Amino acid sequence: MTQLEKIHSGDIYYPSDDEIMKEQLLCLDKLYDFNMTRPTELDKREEMLKEMFAEIGENCYIEPPFHANWGGKHVHFGKNVYANFGLTLVDDTHIYVGDGTMFGPNCVIATAGHPILPELREKQYQFNVPVHIGRNCWLGAGVLVMPGVTIGDNTVIGAGSVVTKDIPGNVVAVGNPCRVLREIGEHDREFYFKDRRINYENL
């Protein structure tokens, strides 16, 4: 198995292999071009993302600057995904994001890790584990999601959280490490922020 073939296997591999670097740099050139687009070039951005990503649905929006190790080559977005400034996708292997999910500013989704053993890190070895984020999630500003994590549908991850383990669907979770705070329930049908009530007639 070549080093390039190992990137999706979960095995330890050498990420600076010549074959890997050749492919990766082509992706990063496309990412550079995306980040250089003007704010008015929305149609151009949409077309570029279709070329850059493994899969991307309709009505997705990513606000530059956008950072990704492989320029989105291993990223699978559903439709209506929104990402604010500074999204970083460490997409050395696959990242899956469901329909309608939103990312606040400066979120990081990481699939890559390095061995704890110093002798292996000295040789720059790496391994990758996919990340799965469900549909209709909201990740607040500065959320970090670690390799191998799954986040269930409809879940809200509070700003600044570090998600090291799986989080179920339909909950609010916060903290470092991120833990479930509560389920989404009847209170959330009445209030949208603290004591501010939802006026359904105006929606």
C-alpha atoms as a PDB file:
ATOM      1  CA  MET A   1       0.000   0.000   0.000  1.00  0.00           C
ATOM      2  CA  THR A   2       1.407   3.391  -0.987  1.00  0.00           C
ATOM      3  CA  GLN A   3       1.494   6.338   1.403  1.00  0.00           C
ATOM      4  CA  LEU A   4      -1.278   8.003  -0.621  1.00  0.00           C
ATOM      5  CA  GLU A   5      -3.439   4.900  -0.334  1.00  0.00           C
ATOM      6  CA  LYS A   6      -2.993   4.935   3.461  1.00  0.00           C
ATOM      7  CA  ILE A   7      -4.554   8.344   4.056  1.00  0.00           C
ATOM      8  CA  HIS A   8      -8.090   6.932   4.324  1.00  0.00           C
ATOM      9  CA  SER A   9      -7.101   3.643   5.991  1.00  0.00           C
ATOM     10  CA  GLY A  10      -6.614   4.855   9.565  1.00  0.00           C
ATOM     11  CA  ASP A  11      -3.032   3.539   9.458  1.00  0.00           C
ATOM     12  CA  ILE A  12       0.032   5.573  10.349  1.00  0.00           C
ATOM     13  CA  TYR A  13       1.623   7.108   7.237  1.00  0.00           C
ATOM     14  CA  TYR A  14       4.106   9.760   6.100  1.00  0.00           C
ATOM     15  CA  PRO A  15       2.163  12.872   4.968  1.00  0.00           C
ATOM     16  CA  SER A  16       5.114  14.548   3.208  1.00  0.00           C
ATOM     17  CA  ASP A  17       5.421  11.714   0.674  1.00  0.00           C
ATOM     18  CA  ASP A  18       6.103  13.122  -2.818  1.00  0.00           C
ATOM     19  CA  GLU A  19       2.966  11.603  -4.364  1.00  0.00           C
ATOM     20  CA  ILE A  20       0.782  13.017  -1.566  1.00  0.00           C
ATOM     21  CA  MET A  21       2.335  16.464  -1.770  1.00  0.00           C
ATOM     22  CA  LYS A  22       1.884  16.641  -5.538  1.00  0.00           C
ATOM     23  CA  GLU A  23      -1.869  16.003  -5.275  1.00  0.00           C
ATOM     24  CA  GLN A  24      -2.336  18.128  -2.179  1.00  0.00           C
ATOM     25  CA  LEU A  25      -0.680  21.197  -3.677  1.00  0.00           C
ATOM     26  CA  LEU A  26      -3.024  21.115  -6.680  1.00  0.00           C
ATOM     27  CA  CYS A  27      -5.955  21.225  -4.261  1.00  0.00           C
ATOM     28  CA  LEU A  28      -4.393  24.077  -2.300  1.00  0.00           C
ATOM     29  CA  ASP A  29      -3.983  26.116  -5.480  1.00  0.00           C
ATOM     30  CA  LYS A  30      -7.770  25.901  -5.990  1.00  0.00           C
ATOM     31  CA  LEU A  31      -8.339  26.892  -2.382  1.00  0.00           C
ATOM     32  CA  TYR A  32      -6.085  29.917  -2.830  1.00  0.00           C
ATOM     33  CA  ASP A  33      -8.130  31.011  -5.857  1.00  0.00           C
ATOM     34  CA  PHE A  34     -11.374  30.621  -3.872  1.00  0.00           C
ATOM     35  CA  ASN A  35     -10.080  32.819  -1.065  1.00  0.00           C
ATOM     36  CA  MET A  36      -9.077  35.503  -3.575  1.00  0.00           C
ATOM     37  CA  THR A  37     -12.605  35.902  -4.955  1.00  0.00           C
ATOM     38  CA  ARG A  38     -14.499  39.156  -4.475  1.00  0.00           C
ATOM     39  CA  PRO A  39     -17.580  39.307  -2.203  1.00  0.00           C
ATOM     40  CA  THR A  40     -19.775  39.940  -5.268  1.00  0.00           C
ATOM     41  CA  GLU A  41     -18.570  36.785  -7.054  1.00  0.00           C
ATOM     42  CA  LEU A  42     -21.077  34.475  -5.386  1.00  0.00           C
ATOM     43  CA  ASP A  43     -21.818  32.410  -8.496  1.00  0.00           C
ATOM     44  CA  LYS A  44     -18.099  31.925  -9.106  1.00  0.00           C
ATOM     45  CA  ARG A  45     -17.574  30.750  -5.529  1.00  0.00           C
ATOM     46  CA  GLU A  46     -20.415  28.269  -5.852  1.00  0.00           C
ATOM     47  CA  GLU A  47     -18.929  26.759  -9.004  1.00  0.00           C
ATOM     48  CA  MET A  48     -15.468  26.598  -7.462  1.00  0.00           C
ATOM     49  CA  LEU A  49     -16.743  24.730  -4.403  1.00  0.00           C
ATOM     50  CA  LYS A  50     -18.350  22.128  -6.673  1.00  0.00           C
ATOM     51  CA  GLU A  51     -14.897  21.473  -8.164  1.00  0.00           C
ATOM     52  CA  MET A  52     -13.075  21.557  -4.823  1.00  0.00           C
ATOM     53  CA  PHE A  53     -15.334  19.361  -2.653  1.00  0.00           C
ATOM     54  CA  ALA A  54     -15.977  15.633  -2.808  1.00  0.00           C
ATOM     55  CA  GLU A  55     -19.694  16.464  -2.564  1.00  0.00           C
ATOM     56  CA  ILE A  56     -21.568  19.710  -1.962  1.00  0.00           C
ATOM     57  CA  GLY A  57     -25.315  20.318  -2.075  1.00  0.00           C
ATOM     58  CA  GLU A  58     -27.299  23.321  -3.218  1.00  0.00           C
ATOM     59  CA  ASN A  59     -27.257  26.688  -1.436  1.00  0.00           C
ATOM     60  CA  CYS A  60     -24.075  26.118   0.561  1.00  0.00           C
ATOM     61  CA  TYR A  61     -22.135  29.204   1.577  1.00  0.00           C
ATOM     62  CA  ILE A  62     -18.586  29.461   2.943  1.00  0.00           C
ATOM     63  CA  GLU A  63     -17.297  32.896   3.909  1.00  0.00           C
ATOM     64  CA  PRO A  64     -13.599  33.359   3.086  1.00  0.00           C
ATOM     65  CA  PRO A  65     -11.060  32.966   4.461  1.00  0.00           C
ATOM     66  CA  PHE A  66     -11.580  29.215   4.303  1.00  0.00           C
ATOM     67  CA  HIS A  67      -8.782  26.799   5.190  1.00  0.00           C
ATOM     68  CA  ALA A  68      -8.534  23.096   4.350  1.00  0.00           C
ATOM     69  CA  ASN A  69      -5.567  20.727   4.163  1.00  0.00           C
ATOM     70  CA  TRP A  70      -6.852  19.282   0.893  1.00  0.00           C
ATOM     71  CA  GLY A  71      -8.960  22.243  -0.173  1.00  0.00           C
ATOM     72  CA  GLY A  72     -12.181  20.337   0.490  1.00  0.00           C
ATOM     73  CA  LYS A  73     -11.273  17.308  -1.642  1.00  0.00           C
ATOM     74  CA  HIS A  74     -12.394  14.922   1.113  1.00  0.00           C
ATOM     75  CA  VAL A  75     -15.355  16.993   2.368  1.00  0.00           C
ATOM     76  CA  HIS A  76     -19.007  15.991   1.889  1.00  0.00           C
ATOM     77  CA  PHE A  77     -21.553  18.765   2.532  1.00  0.00           C
ATOM     78  CA  GLY A  78     -25.299  18.368   2.251  1.00  0.00           C
ATOM     79  CA  LYS A  79     -27.461  21.274   1.095  1.00  0.00           C
ATOM     80  CA  ASN A  80     -27.923  24.648   2.829  1.00  0.00           C
ATOM     81  CA  VAL A  81     -24.717  24.399   4.878  1.00  0.00           C
ATOM     82  CA  TYR A  82     -23.437  27.763   6.120  1.00  0.00           C
ATOM     83  CA  ALA A  83     -19.922  28.553   7.376  1.00  0.00           C
ATOM     84  CA  ASN A  84     -18.888  31.927   8.753  1.00  0.00           C
ATOM     85  CA  PHE A  85     -15.350  33.408   8.559  1.00  0.00           C
ATOM     86  CA  GLY A  86     -12.329  31.230   9.238  1.00  0.00           C
ATOM     87  CA  LEU A  87     -13.674  27.689   8.879  1.00  0.00           C
ATOM     88  CA  THR A  88     -10.770  25.225   9.015  1.00  0.00           C
ATOM     89  CA  LEU A  89     -11.327  21.681   7.726  1.00  0.00           C
ATOM     90  CA  VAL A  90      -8.372  19.392   8.341  1.00  0.00           C
ATOM     91  CA  ASP A  91      -9.642  17.128   5.583  1.00  0.00           C
ATOM     92  CA  ASP A  92      -6.807  14.632   5.336  1.00  0.00           C
ATOM     93  CA  THR A  93      -9.615  12.071   5.298  1.00  0.00           C
ATOM     94  CA  HIS A  94     -13.386  12.383   4.977  1.00  0.00           C
ATOM     95  CA  ILE A  95     -15.589  14.956   6.738  1.00  0.00           C
ATOM     96  CA  TYR A  96     -19.365  14.525   6.418  1.00  0.00           C
ATOM     97  CA  VAL A  97     -21.778  17.387   7.210  1.00  0.00           C
ATOM     98  CA  GLY A  98     -25.552  17.087   6.936  1.00  0.00           C
ATOM     99  CA  ASP A  99     -28.130  19.443   5.435  1.00  0.00           C
ATOM    100  CA  GLY A 100     -28.714  22.793   7.108  1.00  0.00           C
ATOM    101  CA  THR A 101     -25.784  22.716   9.502  1.00  0.00           C
ATOM    102  CA  MET A 102     -24.182  26.037  10.480  1.00  0.00           C
ATOM    103  CA  PHE A 103     -20.631  26.856  11.579  1.00  0.00           C
ATOM    104  CA  GLY A 104     -19.840  29.991  13.568  1.00  0.00           C
ATOM    105  CA  PRO A 105     -16.580  31.899  12.991  1.00  0.00           C
ATOM    106  CA  ASN A 106     -13.265  30.090  13.400  1.00  0.00           C
ATOM    107  CA  CYS A 107     -14.501  26.523  13.792  1.00  0.00           C
ATOM    108  CA  VAL A 108     -11.992  23.697  13.279  1.00  0.00           C
ATOM    109  CA  ILE A 109     -12.942  20.183  12.177  1.00  0.00           C
ATOM    110  CA  ALA A 110      -9.885  17.912  12.378  1.00  0.00           C
ATOM    111  CA  THR A 111      -9.506  14.404  10.985  1.00  0.00           C
ATOM    112  CA  ALA A 112      -5.722  14.175  11.390  1.00  0.00           C
ATOM    113  CA  GLY A 113      -3.793  13.091  14.461  1.00  0.00           C
ATOM    114  CA  HIS A 114      -0.231  12.249  15.396  1.00  0.00           C
ATOM    115  CA  PRO A 115       1.082   9.404  17.563  1.00  0.00           C
ATOM    116  CA  ILE A 116       1.770  10.155  21.221  1.00  0.00           C
ATOM    117  CA  LEU A 117       5.072   8.241  21.007  1.00  0.00           C
ATOM    118  CA  PRO A 118       7.823  10.859  20.467  1.00  0.00           C
ATOM    119  CA  GLU A 119       9.915   8.575  18.256  1.00  0.00           C
ATOM    120  CA  LEU A 120       7.085   8.370  15.727  1.00  0.00           C
ATOM    121  CA  ARG A 121       6.329  12.077  15.830  1.00  0.00           C
ATOM    122  CA  GLU A 122       9.992  12.829  15.169  1.00  0.00           C
ATOM    123  CA  LYS A 123       9.517  11.048  11.855  1.00  0.00           C
ATOM    124  CA  GLN A 124       6.404  13.200  11.174  1.00  0.00           C
ATOM    125  CA  TYR A 125       4.010  10.260  11.056  1.00  0.00           C
ATOM    126  CA  GLN A 126       0.262  10.893  10.989  1.00  0.00           C
ATOM    127  CA  PHE A 127      -3.057   9.043  10.988  1.00  0.00           C
ATOM    128  CA  ASN A 128      -6.568  10.133   9.942  1.00  0.00           C
ATOM    129  CA  VAL A 129     -10.049   9.273  11.235  1.00  0.00           C
ATOM    130  CA  PRO A 130     -13.287  10.557   9.615  1.00  0.00           C
ATOM    131  CA  VAL A 131     -15.655  13.047  11.287  1.00  0.00           C
ATOM    132  CA  HIS A 132     -19.460  12.936  10.935  1.00  0.00           C
ATOM    133  CA  ILE A 133     -21.668  15.951  11.740  1.00  0.00           C
ATOM    134  CA  GLY A 134     -25.419  15.496  11.402  1.00  0.00           C
ATOM    135  CA  ARG A 135     -28.083  17.618   9.769  1.00  0.00           C
ATOM    136  CA  ASN A 136     -29.386  20.899  11.191  1.00  0.00           C
ATOM    137  CA  CYS A 137     -26.581  21.277  13.736  1.00  0.00           C
ATOM    138  CA  TRP A 138     -25.161  24.582  14.949  1.00  0.00           C
ATOM    139  CA  LEU A 139     -21.526  24.799  15.993  1.00  0.00           C
ATOM    140  CA  GLY A 140     -20.826  28.096  17.752  1.00  0.00           C
ATOM    141  CA  ALA A 141     -17.770  30.278  17.282  1.00  0.00           C
ATOM    142  CA  GLY A 142     -14.416  28.637  17.913  1.00  0.00           C
ATOM    143  CA  VAL A 143     -15.650  25.052  18.261  1.00  0.00           C
ATOM    144  CA  LEU A 144     -12.973  22.384  17.786  1.00  0.00           C
ATOM    145  CA  VAL A 145     -14.026  18.890  16.669  1.00  0.00           C
ATOM    146  CA  MET A 146     -11.421  16.146  17.032  1.00  0.00           C
ATOM    147  CA  PRO A 147     -10.724  13.113  14.781  1.00  0.00           C
ATOM    148  CA  GLY A 148     -13.272  10.307  14.804  1.00  0.00           C
ATOM    149  CA  VAL A 149     -16.092  12.315  16.416  1.00  0.00           C
ATOM    150  CA  THR A 150     -19.751  11.948  15.438  1.00  0.00           C
ATOM    151  CA  ILE A 151     -22.295  14.681  16.280  1.00  0.00           C
ATOM    152  CA  GLY A 152     -25.980  13.786  15.972  1.00  0.00           C
ATOM    153  CA  ASP A 153     -28.744  15.654  14.134  1.00  0.00           C
ATOM    154  CA  ASN A 154     -30.122  18.973  15.464  1.00  0.00           C
ATOM    155  CA  THR A 155     -27.457  19.341  18.142  1.00  0.00           C
ATOM    156  CA  VAL A 156     -26.039  22.695  19.257  1.00  0.00           C
ATOM    157  CA  ILE A 157     -22.371  22.853  20.296  1.00  0.00           C
ATOM    158  CA  GLY A 158     -21.624  25.916  22.441  1.00  0.00           C
ATOM    159  CA  ALA A 159     -18.962  28.418  21.426  1.00  0.00           C
ATOM    160  CA  GLY A 160     -15.404  27.496  22.343  1.00  0.00           C
ATOM    161  CA  SER A 161     -16.166  23.833  23.000  1.00  0.00           C
ATOM    162  CA  VAL A 162     -13.615  21.100  22.324  1.00  0.00           C
ATOM    163  CA  VAL A 163     -15.449  18.006  21.098  1.00  0.00           C
ATOM    164  CA  THR A 164     -13.339  14.937  21.853  1.00  0.00           C
ATOM    165  CA  LYS A 165     -16.095  12.287  22.010  1.00  0.00           C
ATOM    166  CA  ASP A 166     -19.355  11.548  20.215  1.00  0.00           C
ATOM    167  CA  ILE A 167     -22.318  13.813  21.015  1.00  0.00           C
ATOM    168  CA  PRO A 168     -25.886  12.518  20.483  1.00  0.00           C
ATOM    169  CA  GLY A 169     -28.614  14.260  18.521  1.00  0.00           C
ATOM    170  CA  ASN A 170     -31.120  16.826  19.838  1.00  0.00           C
ATOM    171  CA  VAL A 171     -28.986  18.192  22.682  1.00  0.00           C
ATOM    172  CA  VAL A 172     -27.097  21.293  23.719  1.00  0.00           C
ATOM    173  CA  ALA A 173     -23.485  20.431  24.545  1.00  0.00           C
ATOM    174  CA  VAL A 174     -20.714  22.716  25.807  1.00  0.00           C
ATOM    175  CA  GLY A 175     -17.286  22.799  27.393  1.00  0.00           C
ATOM    176  CA  ASN A 176     -13.745  21.476  27.227  1.00  0.00           C
ATOM    177  CA  PRO A 177     -14.064  18.576  26.943  1.00  0.00           C
ATOM    178  CA  CYS A 178     -17.533  19.026  25.445  1.00  0.00           C
ATOM    179  CA  ARG A 179     -20.353  17.390  27.434  1.00  0.00           C
ATOM    180  CA  VAL A 180     -24.126  17.268  27.054  1.00  0.00           C
ATOM    181  CA  LEU A 181     -25.710  20.123  29.004  1.00  0.00           C
ATOM    182  CA  ARG A 182     -29.358  19.298  28.307  1.00  0.00           C
ATOM    183  CA  GLU A 183     -31.796  17.999  25.743  1.00  0.00           C
ATOM    184  CA  ILE A 184     -33.528  20.372  23.329  1.00  0.00           C
ATOM    185  CA  GLY A 185     -37.135  20.547  24.553  1.00  0.00           C
ATOM    186  CA  GLU A 186     -40.298  22.530  25.235  1.00  0.00           C
ATOM    187  CA  HIS A 187     -38.425  25.505  26.686  1.00  0.00           C
ATOM    188  CA  ASP A 188     -36.741  25.983  23.307  1.00  0.00           C
ATOM    189  CA  ARG A 189     -40.139  26.079  21.574  1.00  0.00           C
ATOM    190  CA  GLU A 190     -41.040  29.117  23.680  1.00  0.00           C
ATOM    191  CA  PHE A 191     -37.744  31.023  24.047  1.00  0.00           C
ATOM    192  CA  TYR A 192     -35.036  31.642  21.444  1.00  0.00           C
ATOM    193  CA  PHE A 193     -32.545  33.473  23.713  1.00  0.00           C
ATOM    194  CA  LYS A 194     -32.670  33.762  27.505  1.00  0.00           C
ATOM    195  CA  ASP A 195     -36.097  35.309  28.309  1.00  0.00           C
ATOM    196  CA  ARG A 196     -36.914  36.374  24.742  1.00  0.00           C
ATOM    197  CA  ARG A 197     -40.038  34.643  23.497  1.00  0.00           C
ATOM    198  CA  ILE A 198     -40.511  33.361  19.975  1.00  0.00           C
ATOM    199  CA  ASN A 199     -43.237  35.287  18.171  1.00  0.00           C
ATOM    200  CA  TYR A 200     -44.406  32.670  15.705  1.00  0.00           C
ATOM    201  CA  GLU A 201     -46.838  35.086  14.056  1.00  0.00           C
ATOM    202  CA  ASN A 202     -43.908  37.177  12.789  1.00  0.00           C
ATOM    203  CA  LEU A 203     -41.905  34.256  11.399  1.00  0.00           C
END
